Amino acid sequence: MATFDEREKGFETKYKRDQELQFKVNARRNKLLGLWAADKLGLKDAAAEAYAKSVVSADFERPGDDDVIQKVVKDLSAKGIALKDADIRKELDRLLPLAKTQIEGEVRK
């Protein structure tokens, strides 16, 4: 019975670690999206970093990516930059592997 309990605990630990890693990857992806959008908005340096943080924070409003996408589309639209939700989703998809590589590199250090 102890072996079963140990295996169960091991699976729980792995699941928790995987969930934490996925959270970090999504946050990094959202930051990269924020920096991408900041560039389109003409923001530089500290202003771009602050904007990227606001994009990361937007993800805590609702589950899923819709809150992030809506924020970026709204902000870009306000500056006369017309991008659709699908365009932002495509950028999120493009940035996901980069974010994963960056986070995994940090975890290994």
C-alpha atoms as a PDB file:
ATOM      1  CA  MET A   1       0.000   0.000   0.000  1.00  0.00           C
ATOM      2  CA  ALA A   2       2.901   2.357   0.701  1.00  0.00           C
ATOM      3  CA  THR A   3       4.097   1.980  -2.899  1.00  0.00           C
ATOM      4  CA  PHE A   4       0.701   3.067  -4.209  1.00  0.00           C
ATOM      5  CA  ASP A   5       0.673   6.072  -1.876  1.00  0.00           C
ATOM      6  CA  GLU A   6       4.189   7.008  -2.977  1.00  0.00           C
ATOM      7  CA  ARG A   7       3.216   6.769  -6.651  1.00  0.00           C
ATOM      8  CA  GLU A   8       0.109   8.861  -6.036  1.00  0.00           C
ATOM      9  CA  LYS A   9       2.161  11.491  -4.228  1.00  0.00           C
ATOM     10  CA  GLY A  10       4.663  11.469  -7.101  1.00  0.00           C
ATOM     11  CA  PHE A  11       1.897  12.034  -9.664  1.00  0.00           C
ATOM     12  CA  GLU A  12       0.445  14.842  -7.559  1.00  0.00           C
ATOM     13  CA  THR A  13       3.861  16.496  -7.311  1.00  0.00           C
ATOM     14  CA  LYS A  14       4.426  16.202 -11.065  1.00  0.00           C
ATOM     15  CA  TYR A  15       0.964  17.601 -11.811  1.00  0.00           C
ATOM     16  CA  LYS A  16       1.582  20.571  -9.522  1.00  0.00           C
ATOM     17  CA  ARG A  17       4.987  21.225 -11.102  1.00  0.00           C
ATOM     18  CA  ASP A  18       3.501  20.977 -14.624  1.00  0.00           C
ATOM     19  CA  GLN A  19       0.716  23.416 -13.726  1.00  0.00           C
ATOM     20  CA  GLU A  20       3.206  25.919 -12.291  1.00  0.00           C
ATOM     21  CA  LEU A  21       5.355  25.627 -15.414  1.00  0.00           C
ATOM     22  CA  GLN A  22       2.341  26.165 -17.679  1.00  0.00           C
ATOM     23  CA  PHE A  23       1.338  29.240 -15.657  1.00  0.00           C
ATOM     24  CA  LYS A  24       4.836  30.701 -16.066  1.00  0.00           C
ATOM     25  CA  VAL A  25       4.896  29.913 -19.786  1.00  0.00           C
ATOM     26  CA  ASN A  26       1.519  31.609 -20.326  1.00  0.00           C
ATOM     27  CA  ALA A  27       2.595  34.649 -18.324  1.00  0.00           C
ATOM     28  CA  ARG A  28       5.795  34.922 -20.368  1.00  0.00           C
ATOM     29  CA  ARG A  29       3.859  34.493 -23.626  1.00  0.00           C
ATOM     30  CA  ASN A  30       1.529  37.300 -22.550  1.00  0.00           C
ATOM     31  CA  LYS A  31       4.486  39.508 -21.675  1.00  0.00           C
ATOM     32  CA  LEU A  32       6.004  38.862 -25.093  1.00  0.00           C
ATOM     33  CA  LEU A  33       2.641  39.712 -26.666  1.00  0.00           C
ATOM     34  CA  GLY A  34       2.578  42.913 -24.625  1.00  0.00           C
ATOM     35  CA  LEU A  35       6.044  43.856 -25.863  1.00  0.00           C
ATOM     36  CA  TRP A  36       4.986  43.071 -29.440  1.00  0.00           C
ATOM     37  CA  ALA A  37       1.887  45.264 -29.065  1.00  0.00           C
ATOM     38  CA  ALA A  38       3.894  47.989 -27.314  1.00  0.00           C
ATOM     39  CA  ASP A  39       6.160  48.161 -30.350  1.00  0.00           C
ATOM     40  CA  LYS A  40       3.121  48.609 -32.589  1.00  0.00           C
ATOM     41  CA  LEU A  41       1.890  51.333 -30.222  1.00  0.00           C
ATOM     42  CA  GLY A  42       5.243  53.111 -30.406  1.00  0.00           C
ATOM     43  CA  LEU A  43       6.086  52.484 -26.746  1.00  0.00           C
ATOM     44  CA  LYS A  44       9.729  52.070 -25.765  1.00  0.00           C
ATOM     45  CA  ASP A  45      11.785  51.010 -22.766  1.00  0.00           C
ATOM     46  CA  ALA A  46       9.972  51.452 -19.428  1.00  0.00           C
ATOM     47  CA  ALA A  47       6.666  52.320 -21.110  1.00  0.00           C
ATOM     48  CA  ALA A  48       6.836  49.120 -23.165  1.00  0.00           C
ATOM     49  CA  GLU A  49       7.653  47.060 -20.062  1.00  0.00           C
ATOM     50  CA  ALA A  50       4.775  48.663 -18.151  1.00  0.00           C
ATOM     51  CA  TYR A  51       2.395  47.942 -21.004  1.00  0.00           C
ATOM     52  CA  ALA A  52       3.584  44.326 -21.177  1.00  0.00           C
ATOM     53  CA  LYS A  53       2.905  43.965 -17.439  1.00  0.00           C
ATOM     54  CA  SER A  54      -0.607  45.309 -17.966  1.00  0.00           C
ATOM     55  CA  VAL A  55      -1.184  42.637 -20.616  1.00  0.00           C
ATOM     56  CA  VAL A  56       0.003  39.943 -18.190  1.00  0.00           C
ATOM     57  CA  SER A  57      -2.319  41.351 -15.518  1.00  0.00           C
ATOM     58  CA  ALA A  58      -5.260  41.321 -17.911  1.00  0.00           C
ATOM     59  CA  ASP A  59      -5.023  37.521 -18.021  1.00  0.00           C
ATOM     60  CA  PHE A  60      -6.223  37.313 -14.411  1.00  0.00           C
ATOM     61  CA  GLU A  61      -9.656  38.748 -15.236  1.00  0.00           C
ATOM     62  CA  ARG A  62     -11.170  35.569 -16.725  1.00  0.00           C
ATOM     63  CA  PRO A  63     -10.000  32.063 -17.561  1.00  0.00           C
ATOM     64  CA  GLY A  64      -8.626  31.670 -21.069  1.00  0.00           C
ATOM     65  CA  ASP A  65      -6.987  34.094 -23.447  1.00  0.00           C
ATOM     66  CA  ASP A  66     -10.002  36.218 -24.375  1.00  0.00           C
ATOM     67  CA  ASP A  67      -9.295  38.912 -21.764  1.00  0.00           C
ATOM     68  CA  VAL A  68      -5.727  39.361 -23.035  1.00  0.00           C
ATOM     69  CA  ILE A  69      -6.829  39.402 -26.659  1.00  0.00           C
ATOM     70  CA  GLN A  70      -9.601  41.918 -26.022  1.00  0.00           C
ATOM     71  CA  LYS A  71      -7.234  44.240 -24.155  1.00  0.00           C
ATOM     72  CA  VAL A  72      -4.649  44.241 -26.935  1.00  0.00           C
ATOM     73  CA  VAL A  73      -7.239  44.651 -29.702  1.00  0.00           C
ATOM     74  CA  LYS A  74      -8.879  47.522 -27.790  1.00  0.00           C
ATOM     75  CA  ASP A  75      -5.569  49.283 -27.127  1.00  0.00           C
ATOM     76  CA  LEU A  76      -4.396  48.911 -30.712  1.00  0.00           C
ATOM     77  CA  SER A  77      -7.771  50.071 -32.054  1.00  0.00           C
ATOM     78  CA  ALA A  78      -7.577  53.173 -29.874  1.00  0.00           C
ATOM     79  CA  LYS A  79      -4.383  54.085 -31.741  1.00  0.00           C
ATOM     80  CA  GLY A  80      -5.922  53.375 -35.149  1.00  0.00           C
ATOM     81  CA  ILE A  81      -4.254  49.990 -35.594  1.00  0.00           C
ATOM     82  CA  ALA A  82      -6.846  47.548 -36.865  1.00  0.00           C
ATOM     83  CA  LEU A  83      -6.108  43.973 -35.876  1.00  0.00           C
ATOM     84  CA  LYS A  84      -8.683  41.274 -35.269  1.00  0.00           C
ATOM     85  CA  ASP A  85      -8.894  38.731 -32.495  1.00  0.00           C
ATOM     86  CA  ALA A  86      -7.638  36.106 -34.939  1.00  0.00           C
ATOM     87  CA  ASP A  87      -4.500  38.162 -35.609  1.00  0.00           C
ATOM     88  CA  ILE A  88      -3.738  38.353 -31.894  1.00  0.00           C
ATOM     89  CA  ARG A  89      -4.418  34.617 -31.445  1.00  0.00           C
ATOM     90  CA  LYS A  90      -1.986  33.900 -34.265  1.00  0.00           C
ATOM     91  CA  GLU A  91       0.645  36.011 -32.511  1.00  0.00           C
ATOM     92  CA  LEU A  92      -0.039  34.201 -29.219  1.00  0.00           C
ATOM     93  CA  ASP A  93       0.460  30.890 -31.016  1.00  0.00           C
ATOM     94  CA  ARG A  94       3.710  32.136 -32.532  1.00  0.00           C
ATOM     95  CA  LEU A  95       5.022  33.331 -29.162  1.00  0.00           C
ATOM     96  CA  LEU A  96       4.118  30.221 -27.146  1.00  0.00           C
ATOM     97  CA  PRO A  97       7.141  28.096 -28.172  1.00  0.00           C
ATOM     98  CA  LEU A  98       9.480  31.041 -27.547  1.00  0.00           C
ATOM     99  CA  ALA A  99       8.001  31.583 -24.079  1.00  0.00           C
ATOM    100  CA  LYS A 100       8.305  27.884 -23.294  1.00  0.00           C
ATOM    101  CA  THR A 101      11.959  27.836 -24.383  1.00  0.00           C
ATOM    102  CA  GLN A 102      12.720  30.922 -22.272  1.00  0.00           C
ATOM    103  CA  ILE A 103      11.034  29.542 -19.137  1.00  0.00           C
ATOM    104  CA  GLU A 104      12.578  26.096 -19.511  1.00  0.00           C
ATOM    105  CA  GLY A 105      15.988  27.760 -19.875  1.00  0.00           C
ATOM    106  CA  GLU A 106      15.435  29.666 -16.641  1.00  0.00           C
ATOM    107  CA  VAL A 107      14.271  26.544 -14.799  1.00  0.00           C
ATOM    108  CA  ARG A 108      17.438  24.664 -15.775  1.00  0.00           C
ATOM    109  CA  LYS A 109      19.742  27.377 -14.376  1.00  0.00           C
END
